[in-house]
Amino acid sequence: QVQPVESGGGLVQPGGSLRLSCAASGSIFSIYDMGWYRQARGKQRSLVARISNGGSANYAESVKGRFTISRDNAKNTVYLQMDSLKPEDTAVYYCNAVPPNDSWDWGQGTQVTVSS
C-alpha cells in the first residue's frame, strides 16, 4: 500500500517561509500528476498546488505567486516552497496524486502554523 510521507512543517511568523517535502517508497510518483492539499480546522481538504508528470504547475488563487511546487522524479519526491506565509495558510498539508489515488493511503500530513 502506498502512503506518502510529508515533512517540513512547523511554526513560522507571518511573512516567513517553509519548504515541505513529500516522499514515498518505490518509483511511483513519476507517472502521476501530483498535488499538495491542505485542510484547516473545521474545513474540507482542498488542493492548493499541482504539478504534472511533465513539470507544469498550477495553483489555487489564494497561493498563486507565493507557493512553488516542484518535483524530483529520480528521488520520488514532491516539494512545496511556501513564501510570504499568512495566518490563513495555517493547516495540515498533505500530498497525493491529482485526482487522489483511491489505492493510496493519505499520509499523516505536516502541520503548518503561521502566527506571531
PDB file of N, CA and C in Angstrom:
ATOM      1  N   GLN A   1       0.847  -1.187   0.000  1.00  0.00           N
ATOM      2  CA  GLN A   1       0.000   0.000   0.000  1.00  0.00           C
ATOM      3  C   GLN A   1       0.889   1.246   0.000  1.00  0.00           C
ATOM      4  N   VAL A   2       0.603   2.170  -0.903  1.00  0.00           N
ATOM      5  CA  VAL A   2       1.394   3.391  -0.983  1.00  0.00           C
ATOM      6  C   VAL A   2       0.874   4.394   0.033  1.00  0.00           C
ATOM      7  N   GLN A   3       1.775   4.993   0.763  1.00  0.00           N
ATOM      8  CA  GLN A   3       1.416   6.069   1.679  1.00  0.00           C
ATOM      9  C   GLN A   3       2.481   7.149   1.603  1.00  0.00           C
ATOM     10  N   PRO A   4       2.127   8.298   1.032  1.00  0.00           N
ATOM     11  CA  PRO A   4       3.089   9.396   1.007  1.00  0.00           C
ATOM     12  C   PRO A   4       3.455   9.828   2.423  1.00  0.00           C
ATOM     13  N   VAL A   5       4.656  10.327   2.588  1.00  0.00           N
ATOM     14  CA  VAL A   5       5.126  10.817   3.875  1.00  0.00           C
ATOM     15  C   VAL A   5       5.516  12.275   3.716  1.00  0.00           C
ATOM     16  N   GLU A   6       4.789  13.151   4.412  1.00  0.00           N
ATOM     17  CA  GLU A   6       5.028  14.582   4.326  1.00  0.00           C
ATOM     18  C   GLU A   6       5.899  15.046   5.487  1.00  0.00           C
ATOM     19  N   SER A   7       6.713  16.071   5.240  1.00  0.00           N
ATOM     20  CA  SER A   7       7.567  16.634   6.280  1.00  0.00           C
ATOM     21  C   SER A   7       7.868  18.089   5.963  1.00  0.00           C
ATOM     22  N   GLY A   8       8.408  18.790   6.954  1.00  0.00           N
ATOM     23  CA  GLY A   8       8.868  20.156   6.731  1.00  0.00           C
ATOM     24  C   GLY A   8       8.004  21.239   7.333  1.00  0.00           C
ATOM     25  N   GLY A   9       6.883  20.867   7.926  1.00  0.00           N
ATOM     26  CA  GLY A   9       6.017  21.868   8.525  1.00  0.00           C
ATOM     27  C   GLY A   9       6.596  22.436   9.808  1.00  0.00           C
ATOM     28  N   GLY A  10       5.893  23.398  10.380  1.00  0.00           N
ATOM     29  CA  GLY A  10       6.335  23.993  11.631  1.00  0.00           C
ATOM     30  C   GLY A  10       5.609  25.279  11.920  1.00  0.00           C
ATOM     31  N   LEU A  11       6.113  25.998  12.906  1.00  0.00           N
ATOM     32  CA  LEU A  11       5.565  27.297  13.303  1.00  0.00           C
ATOM     33  C   LEU A  11       6.423  28.396  12.682  1.00  0.00           C
ATOM     34  N   VAL A  12       5.773  29.315  12.007  1.00  0.00           N
ATOM     35  CA  VAL A  12       6.502  30.395  11.346  1.00  0.00           C
ATOM     36  C   VAL A  12       5.718  31.684  11.500  1.00  0.00           C
ATOM     37  N   GLN A  13       6.417  32.807  11.549  1.00  0.00           N
ATOM     38  CA  GLN A  13       5.752  34.105  11.647  1.00  0.00           C
ATOM     39  C   GLN A  13       5.191  34.528  10.296  1.00  0.00           C
ATOM     40  N   PRO A  14       4.177  35.359  10.298  1.00  0.00           N
ATOM     41  CA  PRO A  14       3.670  35.884   9.031  1.00  0.00           C
ATOM     42  C   PRO A  14       4.801  36.499   8.216  1.00  0.00           C
ATOM     43  N   GLY A  15       4.788  36.209   6.926  1.00  0.00           N
ATOM     44  CA  GLY A  15       5.838  36.666   6.028  1.00  0.00           C
ATOM     45  C   GLY A  15       6.992  35.703   5.896  1.00  0.00           C
ATOM     46  N   GLY A  16       7.014  34.677   6.706  1.00  0.00           N
ATOM     47  CA  GLY A  16       8.089  33.706   6.675  1.00  0.00           C
ATOM     48  C   GLY A  16       7.928  32.672   5.582  1.00  0.00           C
ATOM     49  N   SER A  17       8.866  31.716   5.571  1.00  0.00           N
ATOM     50  CA  SER A  17       8.895  30.685   4.532  1.00  0.00           C
ATOM     51  C   SER A  17       9.068  29.305   5.147  1.00  0.00           C
ATOM     52  N   LEU A  18       8.558  28.324   4.444  1.00  0.00           N
ATOM     53  CA  LEU A  18       8.775  26.914   4.775  1.00  0.00           C
ATOM     54  C   LEU A  18       8.872  26.138   3.467  1.00  0.00           C
ATOM     55  N   ARG A  19       9.571  25.008   3.537  1.00  0.00           N
ATOM     56  CA  ARG A  19       9.639  24.108   2.385  1.00  0.00           C
ATOM     57  C   ARG A  19       9.175  22.731   2.829  1.00  0.00           C
ATOM     58  N   LEU A  20       8.112  22.270   2.216  1.00  0.00           N
ATOM     59  CA  LEU A  20       7.564  20.960   2.520  1.00  0.00           C
ATOM     60  C   LEU A  20       8.100  19.925   1.534  1.00  0.00           C
ATOM     61  N   SER A  21       8.228  18.695   2.019  1.00  0.00           N
ATOM     62  CA  SER A  21       8.655  17.589   1.166  1.00  0.00           C
ATOM     63  C   SER A  21       7.667  16.436   1.300  1.00  0.00           C
ATOM     64  N   CYS A  22       7.540  15.674   0.235  1.00  0.00           N
ATOM     65  CA  CYS A  22       6.661  14.511   0.233  1.00  0.00           C
ATOM     66  C   CYS A  22       7.375  13.391  -0.509  1.00  0.00           C
ATOM     67  N   ALA A  23       7.503  12.263   0.142  1.00  0.00           N
ATOM     68  CA  ALA A  23       8.204  11.135  -0.464  1.00  0.00           C
ATOM     69  C   ALA A  23       7.395   9.862  -0.276  1.00  0.00           C
ATOM     70  N   ALA A  24       7.687   8.890  -1.093  1.00  0.00           N
ATOM     71  CA  ALA A  24       7.068   7.574  -0.950  1.00  0.00           C
ATOM     72  C   ALA A  24       8.030   6.532  -1.478  1.00  0.00           C
ATOM     73  N   SER A  25       7.919   5.354  -0.970  1.00  0.00           N
ATOM     74  CA  SER A  25       8.799   4.284  -1.414  1.00  0.00           C
ATOM     75  C   SER A  25       8.412   3.839  -2.820  1.00  0.00           C
ATOM     76  N   GLY A  26       9.391   3.357  -3.554  1.00  0.00           N
ATOM     77  CA  GLY A  26       9.101   2.875  -4.891  1.00  0.00           C
ATOM     78  C   GLY A  26       9.029   3.997  -5.898  1.00  0.00           C
ATOM     79  N   SER A  27       9.236   3.691  -7.126  1.00  0.00           N
ATOM     80  CA  SER A  27       9.254   4.718  -8.183  1.00  0.00           C
ATOM     81  C   SER A  27       7.865   4.898  -8.754  1.00  0.00           C
ATOM     82  N   ILE A  28       6.986   5.452  -7.921  1.00  0.00           N
ATOM     83  CA  ILE A  28       5.593   5.533  -8.336  1.00  0.00           C
ATOM     84  C   ILE A  28       5.151   6.939  -8.688  1.00  0.00           C
ATOM     85  N   PHE A  29       5.757   7.951  -8.088  1.00  0.00           N
ATOM     86  CA  PHE A  29       5.260   9.310  -8.282  1.00  0.00           C
ATOM     87  C   PHE A  29       5.403   9.772  -9.728  1.00  0.00           C
ATOM     88  N   SER A  30       6.448   9.300 -10.397  1.00  0.00           N
ATOM     89  CA  SER A  30       6.824   9.905 -11.672  1.00  0.00           C
ATOM     90  C   SER A  30       5.740   9.811 -12.734  1.00  0.00           C
ATOM     91  N   ILE A  31       4.858   8.843 -12.631  1.00  0.00           N
ATOM     92  CA  ILE A  31       3.851   8.683 -13.681  1.00  0.00           C
ATOM     93  C   ILE A  31       2.581   9.469 -13.397  1.00  0.00           C
ATOM     94  N   TYR A  32       2.500  10.064 -12.201  1.00  0.00           N
ATOM     95  CA  TYR A  32       1.279  10.743 -11.801  1.00  0.00           C
ATOM     96  C   TYR A  32       1.436  12.265 -11.779  1.00  0.00           C
ATOM     97  N   ASP A  33       0.334  12.955 -12.056  1.00  0.00           N
ATOM     98  CA  ASP A  33       0.249  14.349 -11.656  1.00  0.00           C
ATOM     99  C   ASP A  33       0.137  14.341 -10.140  1.00  0.00           C
ATOM    100  N   MET A  34       0.901  15.209  -9.477  1.00  0.00           N
ATOM    101  CA  MET A  34       0.925  15.224  -8.015  1.00  0.00           C
ATOM    102  C   MET A  34       0.454  16.573  -7.494  1.00  0.00           C
ATOM    103  N   GLY A  35      -0.054  16.567  -6.280  1.00  0.00           N
ATOM    104  CA  GLY A  35      -0.554  17.814  -5.723  1.00  0.00           C
ATOM    105  C   GLY A  35      -0.332  17.920  -4.228  1.00  0.00           C
ATOM    106  N   TRP A  36      -0.338  19.148  -3.768  1.00  0.00           N
ATOM    107  CA  TRP A  36      -0.366  19.438  -2.343  1.00  0.00           C
ATOM    108  C   TRP A  36      -1.770  19.911  -1.979  1.00  0.00           C
ATOM    109  N   TYR A  37      -2.295  19.311  -0.940  1.00  0.00           N
ATOM    110  CA  TYR A  37      -3.613  19.636  -0.420  1.00  0.00           C
ATOM    111  C   TYR A  37      -3.443  20.185   0.996  1.00  0.00           C
ATOM    112  N   ARG A  38      -4.425  20.928   1.451  1.00  0.00           N
ATOM    113  CA  ARG A  38      -4.388  21.374   2.844  1.00  0.00           C
ATOM    114  C   ARG A  38      -5.785  21.325   3.439  1.00  0.00           C
ATOM    115  N   GLN A  39      -5.790  21.138   4.760  1.00  0.00           N
ATOM    116  CA  GLN A  39      -7.046  21.088   5.491  1.00  0.00           C
ATOM    117  C   GLN A  39      -6.897  21.898   6.765  1.00  0.00           C
ATOM    118  N   ALA A  40      -7.600  23.004   6.811  1.00  0.00           N
ATOM    119  CA  ALA A  40      -7.638  23.826   8.017  1.00  0.00           C
ATOM    120  C   ALA A  40      -8.695  23.274   8.964  1.00  0.00           C
ATOM    121  N   ARG A  41      -8.568  23.596  10.219  1.00  0.00           N
ATOM    122  CA  ARG A  41      -9.508  23.086  11.225  1.00  0.00           C
ATOM    123  C   ARG A  41     -10.933  23.487  10.863  1.00  0.00           C
ATOM    124  N   GLY A  42     -11.804  22.505  10.831  1.00  0.00           N
ATOM    125  CA  GLY A  42     -13.204  22.769  10.545  1.00  0.00           C
ATOM    126  C   GLY A  42     -13.538  22.945   9.085  1.00  0.00           C
ATOM    127  N   LYS A  43     -12.557  22.742   8.201  1.00  0.00           N
ATOM    128  CA  LYS A  43     -12.787  22.924   6.769  1.00  0.00           C
ATOM    129  C   LYS A  43     -12.446  21.649   6.017  1.00  0.00           C
ATOM    130  N   GLN A  44     -12.919  21.582   4.791  1.00  0.00           N
ATOM    131  CA  GLN A  44     -12.614  20.427   3.950  1.00  0.00           C
ATOM    132  C   GLN A  44     -11.214  20.541   3.368  1.00  0.00           C
ATOM    133  N   ARG A  45     -10.653  19.397   3.052  1.00  0.00           N
ATOM    134  CA  ARG A  45      -9.357  19.384   2.403  1.00  0.00           C
ATOM    135  C   ARG A  45      -9.483  19.921   0.978  1.00  0.00           C
ATOM    136  N   SER A  46      -8.532  20.748   0.571  1.00  0.00           N
ATOM    137  CA  SER A  46      -8.590  21.350  -0.756  1.00  0.00           C
ATOM    138  C   SER A  46      -7.210  21.324  -1.398  1.00  0.00           C
ATOM    139  N   LEU A  47      -7.205  21.322  -2.723  1.00  0.00           N
ATOM    140  CA  LEU A  47      -5.975  21.303  -3.498  1.00  0.00           C
ATOM    141  C   LEU A  47      -5.428  22.717  -3.612  1.00  0.00           C
ATOM    142  N   VAL A  48      -4.146  22.903  -3.291  1.00  0.00           N
ATOM    143  CA  VAL A  48      -3.562  24.239  -3.396  1.00  0.00           C
ATOM    144  C   VAL A  48      -2.540  24.345  -4.521  1.00  0.00           C
ATOM    145  N   ALA A  49      -1.924  23.232  -4.916  1.00  0.00           N
ATOM    146  CA  ALA A  49      -0.929  23.277  -5.980  1.00  0.00           C
ATOM    147  C   ALA A  49      -0.843  21.898  -6.612  1.00  0.00           C
ATOM    148  N   ARG A  50      -0.632  21.899  -7.923  1.00  0.00           N
ATOM    149  CA  ARG A  50      -0.494  20.631  -8.628  1.00  0.00           C
ATOM    150  C   ARG A  50       0.621  20.750  -9.648  1.00  0.00           C
ATOM    151  N   ILE A  51       1.242  19.608  -9.948  1.00  0.00           N
ATOM    152  CA  ILE A  51       2.309  19.580 -10.945  1.00  0.00           C
ATOM    153  C   ILE A  51       2.128  18.333 -11.782  1.00  0.00           C
ATOM    154  N   SER A  52       2.174  18.502 -13.091  1.00  0.00           N
ATOM    155  CA  SER A  52       2.003  17.370 -13.991  1.00  0.00           C
ATOM    156  C   SER A  52       3.253  16.503 -13.978  1.00  0.00           C
ATOM    157  N   ASN A  53       3.130  15.313 -14.555  1.00  0.00           N
ATOM    158  CA  ASN A  53       4.317  14.455 -14.590  1.00  0.00           C
ATOM    159  C   ASN A  53       5.385  15.051 -15.501  1.00  0.00           C
ATOM    160  N   GLY A  54       4.989  16.024 -16.333  1.00  0.00           N
ATOM    161  CA  GLY A  54       5.953  16.724 -17.170  1.00  0.00           C
ATOM    162  C   GLY A  54       6.506  17.992 -16.563  1.00  0.00           C
ATOM    163  N   GLY A  55       5.971  18.383 -15.386  1.00  0.00           N
ATOM    164  CA  GLY A  55       6.514  19.540 -14.683  1.00  0.00           C
ATOM    165  C   GLY A  55       5.708  20.824 -14.779  1.00  0.00           C
ATOM    166  N   SER A  56       4.545  20.803 -15.423  1.00  0.00           N
ATOM    167  CA  SER A  56       3.708  22.000 -15.488  1.00  0.00           C
ATOM    168  C   SER A  56       2.953  22.176 -14.183  1.00  0.00           C
ATOM    169  N   ALA A  57       2.941  23.400 -13.659  1.00  0.00           N
ATOM    170  CA  ALA A  57       2.358  23.667 -12.347  1.00  0.00           C
ATOM    171  C   ALA A  57       1.136  24.573 -12.442  1.00  0.00           C
ATOM    172  N   ASN A  58       0.199  24.357 -11.528  1.00  0.00           N
ATOM    173  CA  ASN A  58      -0.969  25.215 -11.381  1.00  0.00           C
ATOM    174  C   ASN A  58      -1.235  25.421  -9.901  1.00  0.00           C
ATOM    175  N   TYR A  59      -1.839  26.579  -9.578  1.00  0.00           N
ATOM    176  CA  TYR A  59      -2.023  26.943  -8.183  1.00  0.00           C
ATOM    177  C   TYR A  59      -3.424  27.477  -7.921  1.00  0.00           C
ATOM    178  N   ALA A  60      -3.886  27.266  -6.692  1.00  0.00           N
ATOM    179  CA  ALA A  60      -5.111  27.922  -6.257  1.00  0.00           C
ATOM    180  C   ALA A  60      -4.849  29.423  -6.190  1.00  0.00           C
ATOM    181  N   GLU A  61      -5.884  30.213  -6.432  1.00  0.00           N
ATOM    182  CA  GLU A  61      -5.714  31.660  -6.434  1.00  0.00           C
ATOM    183  C   GLU A  61      -5.154  32.170  -5.107  1.00  0.00           C
ATOM    184  N   SER A  62      -5.520  31.526  -4.031  1.00  0.00           N
ATOM    185  CA  SER A  62      -5.124  32.000  -2.707  1.00  0.00           C
ATOM    186  C   SER A  62      -3.619  31.891  -2.452  1.00  0.00           C
ATOM    187  N   VAL A  63      -2.912  31.059  -3.232  1.00  0.00           N
ATOM    188  CA  VAL A  63      -1.475  30.867  -3.002  1.00  0.00           C
ATOM    189  C   VAL A  63      -0.637  31.265  -4.201  1.00  0.00           C
ATOM    190  N   LYS A  64      -1.279  31.638  -5.283  1.00  0.00           N
ATOM    191  CA  LYS A  64      -0.549  31.976  -6.512  1.00  0.00           C
ATOM    192  C   LYS A  64       0.414  33.129  -6.255  1.00  0.00           C
ATOM    193  N   GLY A  65       1.652  32.949  -6.702  1.00  0.00           N
ATOM    194  CA  GLY A  65       2.671  33.970  -6.516  1.00  0.00           C
ATOM    195  C   GLY A  65       3.431  33.847  -5.215  1.00  0.00           C
ATOM    196  N   ARG A  66       2.957  32.972  -4.328  1.00  0.00           N
ATOM    197  CA  ARG A  66       3.633  32.790  -3.037  1.00  0.00           C
ATOM    198  C   ARG A  66       4.166  31.367  -2.867  1.00  0.00           C
ATOM    199  N   PHE A  67       3.488  30.397  -3.447  1.00  0.00           N
ATOM    200  CA  PHE A  67       3.884  28.988  -3.326  1.00  0.00           C
ATOM    201  C   PHE A  67       4.458  28.504  -4.655  1.00  0.00           C
ATOM    202  N   THR A  68       5.429  27.585  -4.560  1.00  0.00           N
ATOM    203  CA  THR A  68       6.008  26.966  -5.745  1.00  0.00           C
ATOM    204  C   THR A  68       6.105  25.464  -5.537  1.00  0.00           C
ATOM    205  N   ILE A  69       5.473  24.723  -6.420  1.00  0.00           N
ATOM    206  CA  ILE A  69       5.542  23.262  -6.357  1.00  0.00           C
ATOM    207  C   ILE A  69       6.597  22.777  -7.334  1.00  0.00           C
ATOM    208  N   SER A  70       7.309  21.740  -6.938  1.00  0.00           N
ATOM    209  CA  SER A  70       8.326  21.149  -7.816  1.00  0.00           C
ATOM    210  C   SER A  70       8.410  19.653  -7.516  1.00  0.00           C
ATOM    211  N   ARG A  71       9.116  18.961  -8.370  1.00  0.00           N
ATOM    212  CA  ARG A  71       9.238  17.520  -8.173  1.00  0.00           C
ATOM    213  C   ARG A  71      10.611  17.054  -8.640  1.00  0.00           C
ATOM    214  N   ASP A  72      11.067  15.980  -8.028  1.00  0.00           N
ATOM    215  CA  ASP A  72      12.304  15.321  -8.433  1.00  0.00           C
ATOM    216  C   ASP A  72      11.936  13.848  -8.611  1.00  0.00           C
ATOM    217  N   ASN A  73      11.667  13.458  -9.835  1.00  0.00           N
ATOM    218  CA  ASN A  73      11.207  12.092 -10.084  1.00  0.00           C
ATOM    219  C   ASN A  73      12.281  11.062  -9.742  1.00  0.00           C
ATOM    220  N   ALA A  74      13.543  11.425  -9.886  1.00  0.00           N
ATOM    221  CA  ALA A  74      14.616  10.495  -9.556  1.00  0.00           C
ATOM    222  C   ALA A  74      14.623  10.166  -8.064  1.00  0.00           C
ATOM    223  N   LYS A  75      14.185  11.145  -7.257  1.00  0.00           N
ATOM    224  CA  LYS A  75      14.132  10.940  -5.810  1.00  0.00           C
ATOM    225  C   LYS A  75      12.726  10.581  -5.339  1.00  0.00           C
ATOM    226  N   ASN A  76      11.790  10.510  -6.296  1.00  0.00           N
ATOM    227  CA  ASN A  76      10.400  10.177  -5.943  1.00  0.00           C
ATOM    228  C   ASN A  76       9.868  11.124  -4.884  1.00  0.00           C
ATOM    229  N   THR A  77      10.139  12.419  -5.073  1.00  0.00           N
ATOM    230  CA  THR A  77       9.806  13.419  -4.063  1.00  0.00           C
ATOM    231  C   THR A  77       9.139  14.620  -4.722  1.00  0.00           C
ATOM    232  N   VAL A  78       8.171  15.179  -4.005  1.00  0.00           N
ATOM    233  CA  VAL A  78       7.489  16.394  -4.427  1.00  0.00           C
ATOM    234  C   VAL A  78       7.700  17.445  -3.338  1.00  0.00           C
ATOM    235  N   TYR A  79       7.904  18.685  -3.736  1.00  0.00           N
ATOM    236  CA  TYR A  79       8.191  19.767  -2.801  1.00  0.00           C
ATOM    237  C   TYR A  79       7.146  20.875  -2.922  1.00  0.00           C
ATOM    238  N   LEU A  80       7.025  21.633  -1.844  1.00  0.00           N
ATOM    239  CA  LEU A  80       6.214  22.847  -1.876  1.00  0.00           C
ATOM    240  C   LEU A  80       6.974  23.937  -1.130  1.00  0.00           C
ATOM    241  N   GLN A  81       7.468  24.910  -1.884  1.00  0.00           N
ATOM    242  CA  GLN A  81       8.126  26.079  -1.292  1.00  0.00           C
ATOM    243  C   GLN A  81       7.047  27.111  -1.006  1.00  0.00           C
ATOM    244  N   MET A  82       6.946  27.507   0.243  1.00  0.00           N
ATOM    245  CA  MET A  82       5.906  28.452   0.663  1.00  0.00           C
ATOM    246  C   MET A  82       6.577  29.721   1.179  1.00  0.00           C
ATOM    247  N   ASP A  83       6.338  30.813   0.522  1.00  0.00           N
ATOM    248  CA  ASP A  83       6.888  32.113   0.899  1.00  0.00           C
ATOM    249  C   ASP A  83       5.760  33.068   1.250  1.00  0.00           C
ATOM    250  N   SER A  84       6.124  34.161   1.909  1.00  0.00           N
ATOM    251  CA  SER A  84       5.139  35.191   2.285  1.00  0.00           C
ATOM    252  C   SER A  84       3.923  34.565   2.961  1.00  0.00           C
ATOM    253  N   LEU A  85       4.186  33.705   3.907  1.00  0.00           N
ATOM    254  CA  LEU A  85       3.096  32.974   4.553  1.00  0.00           C
ATOM    255  C   LEU A  85       2.182  33.899   5.335  1.00  0.00           C
ATOM    256  N   LYS A  86       0.895  33.537   5.333  1.00  0.00           N
ATOM    257  CA  LYS A  86      -0.143  34.297   6.012  1.00  0.00           C
ATOM    258  C   LYS A  86      -0.816  33.421   7.061  1.00  0.00           C
ATOM    259  N   PRO A  87      -1.431  34.014   8.065  1.00  0.00           N
ATOM    260  CA  PRO A  87      -2.133  33.200   9.064  1.00  0.00           C
ATOM    261  C   PRO A  87      -3.169  32.264   8.444  1.00  0.00           C
ATOM    262  N   GLU A  88      -3.793  32.690   7.356  1.00  0.00           N
ATOM    263  CA  GLU A  88      -4.806  31.840   6.720  1.00  0.00           C
ATOM    264  C   GLU A  88      -4.208  30.635   5.996  1.00  0.00           C
ATOM    265  N   ASP A  89      -2.882  30.554   5.917  1.00  0.00           N
ATOM    266  CA  ASP A  89      -2.237  29.356   5.369  1.00  0.00           C
ATOM    267  C   ASP A  89      -2.109  28.253   6.417  1.00  0.00           C
ATOM    268  N   THR A  90      -2.450  28.554   7.657  1.00  0.00           N
ATOM    269  CA  THR A  90      -2.378  27.559   8.724  1.00  0.00           C
ATOM    270  C   THR A  90      -3.291  26.386   8.414  1.00  0.00           C
ATOM    271  N   ALA A  91      -2.706  25.182   8.390  1.00  0.00           N
ATOM    272  CA  ALA A  91      -3.455  23.970   8.031  1.00  0.00           C
ATOM    273  C   ALA A  91      -2.522  22.775   8.139  1.00  0.00           C
ATOM    274  N   VAL A  92      -3.095  21.600   8.001  1.00  0.00           N
ATOM    275  CA  VAL A  92      -2.305  20.386   7.800  1.00  0.00           C
ATOM    276  C   VAL A  92      -2.177  20.192   6.295  1.00  0.00           C
ATOM    277  N   TYR A  93      -0.962  19.984   5.838  1.00  0.00           N
ATOM    278  CA  TYR A  93      -0.685  19.859   4.417  1.00  0.00           C
ATOM    279  C   TYR A  93      -0.390  18.397   4.078  1.00  0.00           C
ATOM    280  N   TYR A  94      -0.996  17.940   2.990  1.00  0.00           N
ATOM    281  CA  TYR A  94      -0.868  16.566   2.522  1.00  0.00           C
ATOM    282  C   TYR A  94      -0.466  16.561   1.046  1.00  0.00           C
ATOM    283  N   CYS A  95       0.147  15.475   0.614  1.00  0.00           N
ATOM    284  CA  CYS A  95       0.350  15.304  -0.819  1.00  0.00           C
ATOM    285  C   CYS A  95      -0.330  14.015  -1.268  1.00  0.00           C
ATOM    286  N   ASN A  96      -0.703  14.002  -2.519  1.00  0.00           N
ATOM    287  CA  ASN A  96      -1.330  12.837  -3.121  1.00  0.00           C
ATOM    288  C   ASN A  96      -1.343  13.063  -4.624  1.00  0.00           C
ATOM    289  N   ALA A  97      -1.784  12.081  -5.340  1.00  0.00           N
ATOM    290  CA  ALA A  97      -1.950  12.254  -6.779  1.00  0.00           C
ATOM    291  C   ALA A  97      -3.110  13.220  -7.027  1.00  0.00           C
ATOM    292  N   VAL A  98      -3.190  13.720  -8.258  1.00  0.00           N
ATOM    293  CA  VAL A  98      -4.307  14.566  -8.675  1.00  0.00           C
ATOM    294  C   VAL A  98      -4.970  13.903  -9.870  1.00  0.00           C
ATOM    295  N   PRO A  99      -6.213  13.448  -9.737  1.00  0.00           N
ATOM    296  CA  PRO A  99      -7.014  13.393  -8.512  1.00  0.00           C
ATOM    297  C   PRO A  99      -6.434  12.378  -7.535  1.00  0.00           C
ATOM    298  N   PRO A 100      -6.855  12.419  -6.271  1.00  0.00           N
ATOM    299  CA  PRO A 100      -6.303  11.481  -5.282  1.00  0.00           C
ATOM    300  C   PRO A 100      -6.467  10.039  -5.729  1.00  0.00           C
ATOM    301  N   ASN A 101      -5.439   9.249  -5.501  1.00  0.00           N
ATOM    302  CA  ASN A 101      -5.437   7.851  -5.914  1.00  0.00           C
ATOM    303  C   ASN A 101      -6.153   7.001  -4.869  1.00  0.00           C
ATOM    304  N   ASP A 102      -7.225   6.326  -5.282  1.00  0.00           N
ATOM    305  CA  ASP A 102      -8.032   5.533  -4.346  1.00  0.00           C
ATOM    306  C   ASP A 102      -7.255   4.395  -3.702  1.00  0.00           C
ATOM    307  N   SER A 103      -6.175   3.947  -4.329  1.00  0.00           N
ATOM    308  CA  SER A 103      -5.416   2.829  -3.783  1.00  0.00           C
ATOM    309  C   SER A 103      -4.313   3.279  -2.839  1.00  0.00           C
ATOM    310  N   TRP A 104      -4.142   4.607  -2.676  1.00  0.00           N
ATOM    311  CA  TRP A 104      -3.135   5.125  -1.753  1.00  0.00           C
ATOM    312  C   TRP A 104      -3.793   5.513  -0.440  1.00  0.00           C
ATOM    313  N   ASP A 105      -3.063   5.341   0.631  1.00  0.00           N
ATOM    314  CA  ASP A 105      -3.495   5.889   1.903  1.00  0.00           C
ATOM    315  C   ASP A 105      -3.066   7.349   1.973  1.00  0.00           C
ATOM    316  N   TRP A 106      -3.871   8.189   2.600  1.00  0.00           N
ATOM    317  CA  TRP A 106      -3.415   9.534   2.896  1.00  0.00           C
ATOM    318  C   TRP A 106      -2.357   9.453   3.999  1.00  0.00           C
ATOM    319  N   GLY A 107      -1.316  10.266   3.871  1.00  0.00           N
ATOM    320  CA  GLY A 107      -0.314  10.323   4.913  1.00  0.00           C
ATOM    321  C   GLY A 107      -0.829  11.065   6.134  1.00  0.00           C
ATOM    322  N   GLN A 108       0.019  11.213   7.127  1.00  0.00           N
ATOM    323  CA  GLN A 108      -0.373  11.926   8.338  1.00  0.00           C
ATOM    324  C   GLN A 108      -0.356  13.431   8.133  1.00  0.00           C
ATOM    325  N   GLY A 109       0.261  13.871   7.063  1.00  0.00           N
ATOM    326  CA  GLY A 109       0.337  15.293   6.801  1.00  0.00           C
ATOM    327  C   GLY A 109       1.393  15.968   7.659  1.00  0.00           C
ATOM    328  N   THR A 110       1.599  17.240   7.376  1.00  0.00           N
ATOM    329  CA  THR A 110       2.540  18.032   8.164  1.00  0.00           C
ATOM    330  C   THR A 110       1.864  19.357   8.527  1.00  0.00           C
ATOM    331  N   GLN A 111       1.913  19.704   9.798  1.00  0.00           N
ATOM    332  CA  GLN A 111       1.221  20.888  10.301  1.00  0.00           C
ATOM    333  C   GLN A 111       2.019  22.144   9.993  1.00  0.00           C
ATOM    334  N   VAL A 112       1.348  23.113   9.402  1.00  0.00           N
ATOM    335  CA  VAL A 112       1.917  24.441   9.176  1.00  0.00           C
ATOM    336  C   VAL A 112       1.098  25.432   9.989  1.00  0.00           C
ATOM    337  N   THR A 113       1.780  26.154  10.854  1.00  0.00           N
ATOM    338  CA  THR A 113       1.116  27.165  11.674  1.00  0.00           C
ATOM    339  C   THR A 113       1.804  28.504  11.443  1.00  0.00           C
ATOM    340  N   VAL A 114       1.017  29.479  11.010  1.00  0.00           N
ATOM    341  CA  VAL A 114       1.541  30.823  10.751  1.00  0.00           C
ATOM    342  C   VAL A 114       0.950  31.753  11.797  1.00  0.00           C
ATOM    343  N   SER A 115       1.809  32.211  12.687  1.00  0.00           N
ATOM    344  CA  SER A 115       1.332  33.029  13.807  1.00  0.00           C
ATOM    345  C   SER A 115       2.477  33.848  14.369  1.00  0.00           C
ATOM    346  N   SER A 116       2.133  35.027  14.847  1.00  0.00           N
ATOM    347  CA  SER A 116       3.139  35.854  15.502  1.00  0.00           C
ATOM    348  C   SER A 116       3.123  35.609  17.009  1.00  0.00           C
TER     349      SER A 116
END
